[in-house]
Amino acid sequence: MNERRELEGILAGEEYTAYRKGPGFSLWDWLLEGLGRLLKLIFPGLKPGEGTISVLAILIVLALVGFIVWIAWLLLSRRSRTGRLRSGDWLEPGEDSRSWQYYAEIGDRHAAEGDWRDGIRAVFLALLFYLEEQGTLRVELWKTNREYLDELSESGSSHTPALKEAMALFERIWYGKLEGSQELFESMRSLLTEVAGEGGSR
């Protein structure tokens, strides 16, 4: 038994293992070595063979790939429930903004097609761009809805409650689980009319 350990020690030397290793860094070997060290830390009495470590490494890599695919699927499925890309409806590349009337028309167009979710989004954008036109806030791609609300409050606008209500409705539909409907679209449209006056009505 002692001779076997001595022989394993000799064969583990650099002169015998140098030919088995490929040149340079190998991510797979690094992963296997790290997993082996982790298993020895967790289970000090366990002496896993290279086959066991390889199987565990493959399972971990497959689990990570599955997790990444699942996250990507979640992100893509949230982007558009209908699966159609309509980026040109919102802004063209290099375009700063469009008029609030444009977004109100887009909202009506989506509503006519029964696409309540995008219709509500468009009317919410119309409300933001109307408030920008009035000089009470500045629409920026990077701003959150909360920042718009804070900016509107700081300007002393009387439209803060309407924006707060519109923001809550939009967020429940766009980010939450609430399905868009004609009734909810009409609620958003009436908030736009309340803020924009006769110009916001159809």
C-alpha atoms as a PDB file:
ATOM      1  CA  MET A   1       0.000   0.000   0.000  1.00  0.00           C
ATOM      2  CA  ASN A   2       2.879   2.323   0.824  1.00  0.00           C
ATOM      3  CA  GLU A   3       4.503   1.538  -2.528  1.00  0.00           C
ATOM      4  CA  ARG A   4       1.321   2.521  -4.346  1.00  0.00           C
ATOM      5  CA  ARG A   5       1.272   5.947  -2.678  1.00  0.00           C
ATOM      6  CA  GLU A   6       4.916   6.408  -3.505  1.00  0.00           C
ATOM      7  CA  LEU A   7       4.281   5.468  -7.153  1.00  0.00           C
ATOM      8  CA  GLU A   8       1.257   7.841  -7.350  1.00  0.00           C
ATOM      9  CA  GLY A   9       3.432  10.601  -5.901  1.00  0.00           C
ATOM     10  CA  ILE A  10       6.115  10.005  -8.526  1.00  0.00           C
ATOM     11  CA  LEU A  11       3.589   9.897 -11.398  1.00  0.00           C
ATOM     12  CA  ALA A  12       1.947  13.105 -10.155  1.00  0.00           C
ATOM     13  CA  GLY A  13       5.254  14.945 -10.569  1.00  0.00           C
ATOM     14  CA  GLU A  14       5.649  17.721 -13.135  1.00  0.00           C
ATOM     15  CA  GLU A  15       7.839  15.632 -15.440  1.00  0.00           C
ATOM     16  CA  TYR A  16       5.057  13.042 -15.924  1.00  0.00           C
ATOM     17  CA  THR A  17       2.039  15.352 -16.063  1.00  0.00           C
ATOM     18  CA  ALA A  18       3.520  18.035 -18.341  1.00  0.00           C
ATOM     19  CA  TYR A  19       2.752  16.018 -21.489  1.00  0.00           C
ATOM     20  CA  ARG A  20      -0.883  15.414 -20.538  1.00  0.00           C
ATOM     21  CA  LYS A  21      -1.736  19.094 -20.183  1.00  0.00           C
ATOM     22  CA  GLY A  22      -2.444  21.176 -23.261  1.00  0.00           C
ATOM     23  CA  PRO A  23      -0.675  24.471 -23.710  1.00  0.00           C
ATOM     24  CA  GLY A  24      -2.180  27.506 -21.966  1.00  0.00           C
ATOM     25  CA  PHE A  25      -5.159  27.983 -19.704  1.00  0.00           C
ATOM     26  CA  SER A  26      -8.133  25.616 -19.919  1.00  0.00           C
ATOM     27  CA  LEU A  27     -11.408  26.818 -18.453  1.00  0.00           C
ATOM     28  CA  TRP A  28     -12.703  23.262 -18.205  1.00  0.00           C
ATOM     29  CA  ASP A  29      -9.639  22.070 -16.241  1.00  0.00           C
ATOM     30  CA  TRP A  30      -9.905  25.107 -13.981  1.00  0.00           C
ATOM     31  CA  LEU A  31     -13.587  24.338 -13.367  1.00  0.00           C
ATOM     32  CA  LEU A  32     -12.842  20.679 -12.610  1.00  0.00           C
ATOM     33  CA  GLU A  33     -10.026  21.582 -10.196  1.00  0.00           C
ATOM     34  CA  GLY A  34     -12.211  24.143  -8.424  1.00  0.00           C
ATOM     35  CA  LEU A  35     -15.093  21.685  -8.151  1.00  0.00           C
ATOM     36  CA  GLY A  36     -12.723  19.037  -6.770  1.00  0.00           C
ATOM     37  CA  ARG A  37     -11.445  21.464  -4.121  1.00  0.00           C
ATOM     38  CA  LEU A  38     -15.015  22.459  -3.234  1.00  0.00           C
ATOM     39  CA  LEU A  39     -16.084  18.834  -2.812  1.00  0.00           C
ATOM     40  CA  LYS A  40     -13.057  18.142  -0.591  1.00  0.00           C
ATOM     41  CA  LEU A  41     -13.954  21.165   1.545  1.00  0.00           C
ATOM     42  CA  ILE A  42     -17.595  20.158   1.909  1.00  0.00           C
ATOM     43  CA  PHE A  43     -16.977  16.427   2.274  1.00  0.00           C
ATOM     44  CA  PRO A  44     -13.449  15.948   3.681  1.00  0.00           C
ATOM     45  CA  GLY A  45     -13.855  12.168   3.947  1.00  0.00           C
ATOM     46  CA  LEU A  46     -15.013  11.827   0.317  1.00  0.00           C
ATOM     47  CA  LYS A  47     -12.402  11.044  -2.309  1.00  0.00           C
ATOM     48  CA  PRO A  48     -14.233  11.725  -5.603  1.00  0.00           C
ATOM     49  CA  GLY A  49     -12.722  10.402  -8.782  1.00  0.00           C
ATOM     50  CA  GLU A  50     -12.246  12.489 -11.903  1.00  0.00           C
ATOM     51  CA  GLY A  51     -15.333  10.897 -13.454  1.00  0.00           C
ATOM     52  CA  THR A  52     -17.556  12.041 -10.590  1.00  0.00           C
ATOM     53  CA  ILE A  53     -16.173  15.559 -10.761  1.00  0.00           C
ATOM     54  CA  SER A  54     -16.648  15.648 -14.552  1.00  0.00           C
ATOM     55  CA  VAL A  55     -20.287  14.550 -14.281  1.00  0.00           C
ATOM     56  CA  LEU A  56     -20.965  17.162 -11.585  1.00  0.00           C
ATOM     57  CA  ALA A  57     -19.251  19.848 -13.661  1.00  0.00           C
ATOM     58  CA  ILE A  58     -21.353  18.951 -16.699  1.00  0.00           C
ATOM     59  CA  LEU A  59     -24.536  19.094 -14.592  1.00  0.00           C
ATOM     60  CA  ILE A  60     -23.565  22.497 -13.178  1.00  0.00           C
ATOM     61  CA  VAL A  61     -22.775  23.884 -16.639  1.00  0.00           C
ATOM     62  CA  LEU A  62     -26.092  22.540 -18.003  1.00  0.00           C
ATOM     63  CA  ALA A  63     -27.963  24.084 -15.064  1.00  0.00           C
ATOM     64  CA  LEU A  64     -26.279  27.460 -15.692  1.00  0.00           C
ATOM     65  CA  VAL A  65     -27.068  27.326 -19.418  1.00  0.00           C
ATOM     66  CA  GLY A  66     -30.672  26.405 -18.610  1.00  0.00           C
ATOM     67  CA  PHE A  67     -30.907  29.310 -16.167  1.00  0.00           C
ATOM     68  CA  ILE A  68     -29.535  31.767 -18.744  1.00  0.00           C
ATOM     69  CA  VAL A  69     -31.966  30.488 -21.407  1.00  0.00           C
ATOM     70  CA  TRP A  70     -34.855  30.807 -18.939  1.00  0.00           C
ATOM     71  CA  ILE A  71     -33.897  34.408 -18.064  1.00  0.00           C
ATOM     72  CA  ALA A  72     -33.584  35.281 -21.777  1.00  0.00           C
ATOM     73  CA  TRP A  73     -37.007  33.739 -22.465  1.00  0.00           C
ATOM     74  CA  LEU A  74     -38.547  35.766 -19.609  1.00  0.00           C
ATOM     75  CA  LEU A  75     -37.048  38.992 -20.919  1.00  0.00           C
ATOM     76  CA  LEU A  76     -38.145  38.325 -24.499  1.00  0.00           C
ATOM     77  CA  SER A  77     -41.661  37.268 -23.533  1.00  0.00           C
ATOM     78  CA  ARG A  78     -42.125  40.483 -21.512  1.00  0.00           C
ATOM     79  CA  ARG A  79     -41.013  42.642 -24.417  1.00  0.00           C
ATOM     80  CA  SER A  80     -44.054  42.046 -26.598  1.00  0.00           C
ATOM     81  CA  ARG A  81     -46.956  39.748 -25.839  1.00  0.00           C
ATOM     82  CA  THR A  82     -47.972  39.672 -29.496  1.00  0.00           C
ATOM     83  CA  GLY A  83     -44.450  38.873 -30.688  1.00  0.00           C
ATOM     84  CA  ARG A  84     -44.414  41.772 -33.169  1.00  0.00           C
ATOM     85  CA  LEU A  85     -41.753  44.429 -33.063  1.00  0.00           C
ATOM     86  CA  ARG A  86     -43.159  47.913 -33.340  1.00  0.00           C
ATOM     87  CA  SER A  87     -40.167  50.025 -32.367  1.00  0.00           C
ATOM     88  CA  GLY A  88     -40.917  52.491 -35.179  1.00  0.00           C
ATOM     89  CA  ASP A  89     -44.195  53.408 -33.456  1.00  0.00           C
ATOM     90  CA  TRP A  90     -42.360  54.835 -30.483  1.00  0.00           C
ATOM     91  CA  LEU A  91     -39.182  56.520 -31.752  1.00  0.00           C
ATOM     92  CA  GLU A  92     -36.923  56.185 -34.750  1.00  0.00           C
ATOM     93  CA  PRO A  93     -33.153  55.969 -34.144  1.00  0.00           C
ATOM     94  CA  GLY A  94     -31.724  59.443 -33.578  1.00  0.00           C
ATOM     95  CA  GLU A  95     -35.145  61.002 -32.966  1.00  0.00           C
ATOM     96  CA  ASP A  96     -35.534  62.910 -29.684  1.00  0.00           C
ATOM     97  CA  SER A  97     -39.310  62.907 -29.409  1.00  0.00           C
ATOM     98  CA  ARG A  98     -42.580  63.143 -31.265  1.00  0.00           C
ATOM     99  CA  SER A  99     -45.625  65.243 -30.492  1.00  0.00           C
ATOM    100  CA  TRP A 100     -48.036  64.162 -27.799  1.00  0.00           C
ATOM    101  CA  GLN A 101     -50.810  64.124 -30.442  1.00  0.00           C
ATOM    102  CA  TYR A 102     -48.806  61.540 -32.394  1.00  0.00           C
ATOM    103  CA  TYR A 103     -48.718  59.193 -29.395  1.00  0.00           C
ATOM    104  CA  ALA A 104     -52.429  59.767 -28.722  1.00  0.00           C
ATOM    105  CA  GLU A 105     -53.176  58.740 -32.332  1.00  0.00           C
ATOM    106  CA  ILE A 106     -50.941  55.672 -31.978  1.00  0.00           C
ATOM    107  CA  GLY A 107     -52.854  54.765 -28.811  1.00  0.00           C
ATOM    108  CA  ASP A 108     -56.171  55.056 -30.641  1.00  0.00           C
ATOM    109  CA  ARG A 109     -54.809  52.939 -33.490  1.00  0.00           C
ATOM    110  CA  HIS A 110     -53.694  50.181 -31.093  1.00  0.00           C
ATOM    111  CA  ALA A 111     -57.054  50.354 -29.314  1.00  0.00           C
ATOM    112  CA  ALA A 112     -58.896  49.983 -32.633  1.00  0.00           C
ATOM    113  CA  GLU A 113     -56.898  46.773 -33.201  1.00  0.00           C
ATOM    114  CA  GLY A 114     -57.772  45.539 -29.695  1.00  0.00           C
ATOM    115  CA  ASP A 115     -54.144  45.879 -28.588  1.00  0.00           C
ATOM    116  CA  TRP A 116     -55.037  47.478 -25.248  1.00  0.00           C
ATOM    117  CA  ARG A 117     -51.619  47.075 -23.642  1.00  0.00           C
ATOM    118  CA  ASP A 118     -49.729  49.039 -26.309  1.00  0.00           C
ATOM    119  CA  GLY A 119     -52.625  51.483 -26.605  1.00  0.00           C
ATOM    120  CA  ILE A 120     -52.378  52.301 -22.906  1.00  0.00           C
ATOM    121  CA  ARG A 121     -48.609  52.707 -23.218  1.00  0.00           C
ATOM    122  CA  ALA A 122     -48.999  55.117 -26.142  1.00  0.00           C
ATOM    123  CA  VAL A 123     -51.585  57.254 -24.316  1.00  0.00           C
ATOM    124  CA  PHE A 124     -49.329  57.331 -21.239  1.00  0.00           C
ATOM    125  CA  LEU A 125     -46.483  58.558 -23.477  1.00  0.00           C
ATOM    126  CA  ALA A 126     -48.857  61.164 -24.939  1.00  0.00           C
ATOM    127  CA  LEU A 127     -49.522  62.406 -21.410  1.00  0.00           C
ATOM    128  CA  LEU A 128     -45.787  62.663 -20.661  1.00  0.00           C
ATOM    129  CA  PHE A 129     -45.063  64.493 -23.925  1.00  0.00           C
ATOM    130  CA  TYR A 130     -47.986  66.869 -23.324  1.00  0.00           C
ATOM    131  CA  LEU A 131     -46.538  67.740 -19.920  1.00  0.00           C
ATOM    132  CA  GLU A 132     -43.149  68.255 -21.559  1.00  0.00           C
ATOM    133  CA  GLU A 133     -44.733  70.586 -24.120  1.00  0.00           C
ATOM    134  CA  GLN A 134     -46.181  72.582 -21.213  1.00  0.00           C
ATOM    135  CA  GLY A 135     -42.670  72.901 -19.723  1.00  0.00           C
ATOM    136  CA  THR A 136     -43.461  71.040 -16.496  1.00  0.00           C
ATOM    137  CA  LEU A 137     -41.104  68.101 -17.079  1.00  0.00           C
ATOM    138  CA  ARG A 138     -38.488  66.841 -19.535  1.00  0.00           C
ATOM    139  CA  VAL A 139     -38.974  63.412 -21.128  1.00  0.00           C
ATOM    140  CA  GLU A 140     -35.740  61.408 -21.202  1.00  0.00           C
ATOM    141  CA  LEU A 141     -35.194  57.764 -22.137  1.00  0.00           C
ATOM    142  CA  TRP A 142     -33.278  57.053 -18.929  1.00  0.00           C
ATOM    143  CA  LYS A 143     -35.785  58.551 -16.466  1.00  0.00           C
ATOM    144  CA  THR A 144     -38.069  56.446 -14.317  1.00  0.00           C
ATOM    145  CA  ASN A 145     -41.745  57.197 -13.860  1.00  0.00           C
ATOM    146  CA  ARG A 146     -41.013  58.160 -10.264  1.00  0.00           C
ATOM    147  CA  GLU A 147     -38.540  60.794 -11.501  1.00  0.00           C
ATOM    148  CA  TYR A 148     -41.224  62.251 -13.782  1.00  0.00           C
ATOM    149  CA  LEU A 149     -43.608  62.440 -10.844  1.00  0.00           C
ATOM    150  CA  ASP A 150     -40.980  64.133  -8.645  1.00  0.00           C
ATOM    151  CA  GLU A 151     -40.135  66.596 -11.422  1.00  0.00           C
ATOM    152  CA  LEU A 152     -43.813  67.437 -11.928  1.00  0.00           C
ATOM    153  CA  SER A 153     -44.333  67.916  -8.173  1.00  0.00           C
ATOM    154  CA  GLU A 154     -41.322  70.251  -7.982  1.00  0.00           C
ATOM    155  CA  SER A 155     -42.733  72.373 -10.803  1.00  0.00           C
ATOM    156  CA  GLY A 156     -45.903  72.943  -8.760  1.00  0.00           C
ATOM    157  CA  SER A 157     -48.144  71.532 -11.503  1.00  0.00           C
ATOM    158  CA  SER A 158     -51.783  70.826 -10.715  1.00  0.00           C
ATOM    159  CA  HIS A 159     -51.537  67.717 -12.925  1.00  0.00           C
ATOM    160  CA  THR A 160     -49.500  65.699 -10.388  1.00  0.00           C
ATOM    161  CA  PRO A 161     -52.500  63.607  -9.161  1.00  0.00           C
ATOM    162  CA  ALA A 162     -53.511  62.757 -12.752  1.00  0.00           C
ATOM    163  CA  LEU A 163     -49.951  61.694 -13.643  1.00  0.00           C
ATOM    164  CA  LYS A 164     -49.740  59.630 -10.462  1.00  0.00           C
ATOM    165  CA  GLU A 165     -52.988  57.821 -11.356  1.00  0.00           C
ATOM    166  CA  ALA A 166     -51.892  57.311 -14.981  1.00  0.00           C
ATOM    167  CA  MET A 167     -48.489  56.076 -13.837  1.00  0.00           C
ATOM    168  CA  ALA A 168     -50.042  53.525 -11.460  1.00  0.00           C
ATOM    169  CA  LEU A 169     -52.342  52.224 -14.212  1.00  0.00           C
ATOM    170  CA  PHE A 170     -49.533  52.052 -16.776  1.00  0.00           C
ATOM    171  CA  GLU A 171     -47.153  50.234 -14.411  1.00  0.00           C
ATOM    172  CA  ARG A 172     -49.765  47.644 -13.388  1.00  0.00           C
ATOM    173  CA  ILE A 173     -50.385  46.834 -17.049  1.00  0.00           C
ATOM    174  CA  TRP A 174     -46.905  47.232 -18.548  1.00  0.00           C
ATOM    175  CA  TYR A 175     -44.816  45.713 -15.736  1.00  0.00           C
ATOM    176  CA  GLY A 176     -47.399  43.857 -13.671  1.00  0.00           C
ATOM    177  CA  LYS A 177     -49.841  41.055 -14.343  1.00  0.00           C
ATOM    178  CA  LEU A 178     -52.900  43.198 -15.117  1.00  0.00           C
ATOM    179  CA  GLU A 179     -54.274  42.581 -18.610  1.00  0.00           C
ATOM    180  CA  GLY A 180     -55.162  45.608 -20.693  1.00  0.00           C
ATOM    181  CA  SER A 181     -58.833  46.141 -21.536  1.00  0.00           C
ATOM    182  CA  GLN A 182     -61.062  48.686 -23.233  1.00  0.00           C
ATOM    183  CA  GLU A 183     -62.204  49.989 -19.852  1.00  0.00           C
ATOM    184  CA  LEU A 184     -58.606  50.548 -18.691  1.00  0.00           C
ATOM    185  CA  PHE A 185     -57.713  52.159 -22.020  1.00  0.00           C
ATOM    186  CA  GLU A 186     -60.674  54.533 -21.643  1.00  0.00           C
ATOM    187  CA  SER A 187     -59.501  55.382 -18.101  1.00  0.00           C
ATOM    188  CA  MET A 188     -56.048  56.314 -19.409  1.00  0.00           C
ATOM    189  CA  ARG A 189     -57.597  58.272 -22.296  1.00  0.00           C
ATOM    190  CA  SER A 190     -59.829  60.230 -19.905  1.00  0.00           C
ATOM    191  CA  LEU A 191     -56.769  61.120 -17.788  1.00  0.00           C
ATOM    192  CA  LEU A 192     -55.124  62.524 -20.926  1.00  0.00           C
ATOM    193  CA  THR A 193     -58.288  64.516 -21.709  1.00  0.00           C
ATOM    194  CA  GLU A 194     -58.401  65.804 -18.122  1.00  0.00           C
ATOM    195  CA  VAL A 195     -54.805  67.066 -18.393  1.00  0.00           C
ATOM    196  CA  ALA A 196     -54.736  68.234 -22.025  1.00  0.00           C
ATOM    197  CA  GLY A 197     -58.302  69.580 -22.100  1.00  0.00           C
ATOM    198  CA  GLU A 198     -60.182  69.529 -25.406  1.00  0.00           C
ATOM    199  CA  GLY A 199     -56.944  68.862 -27.288  1.00  0.00           C
ATOM    200  CA  GLY A 200     -56.660  65.470 -25.607  1.00  0.00           C
ATOM    201  CA  SER A 201     -60.119  64.242 -26.585  1.00  0.00           C
ATOM    202  CA  ARG A 202     -60.692  62.195 -29.709  1.00  0.00           C
END
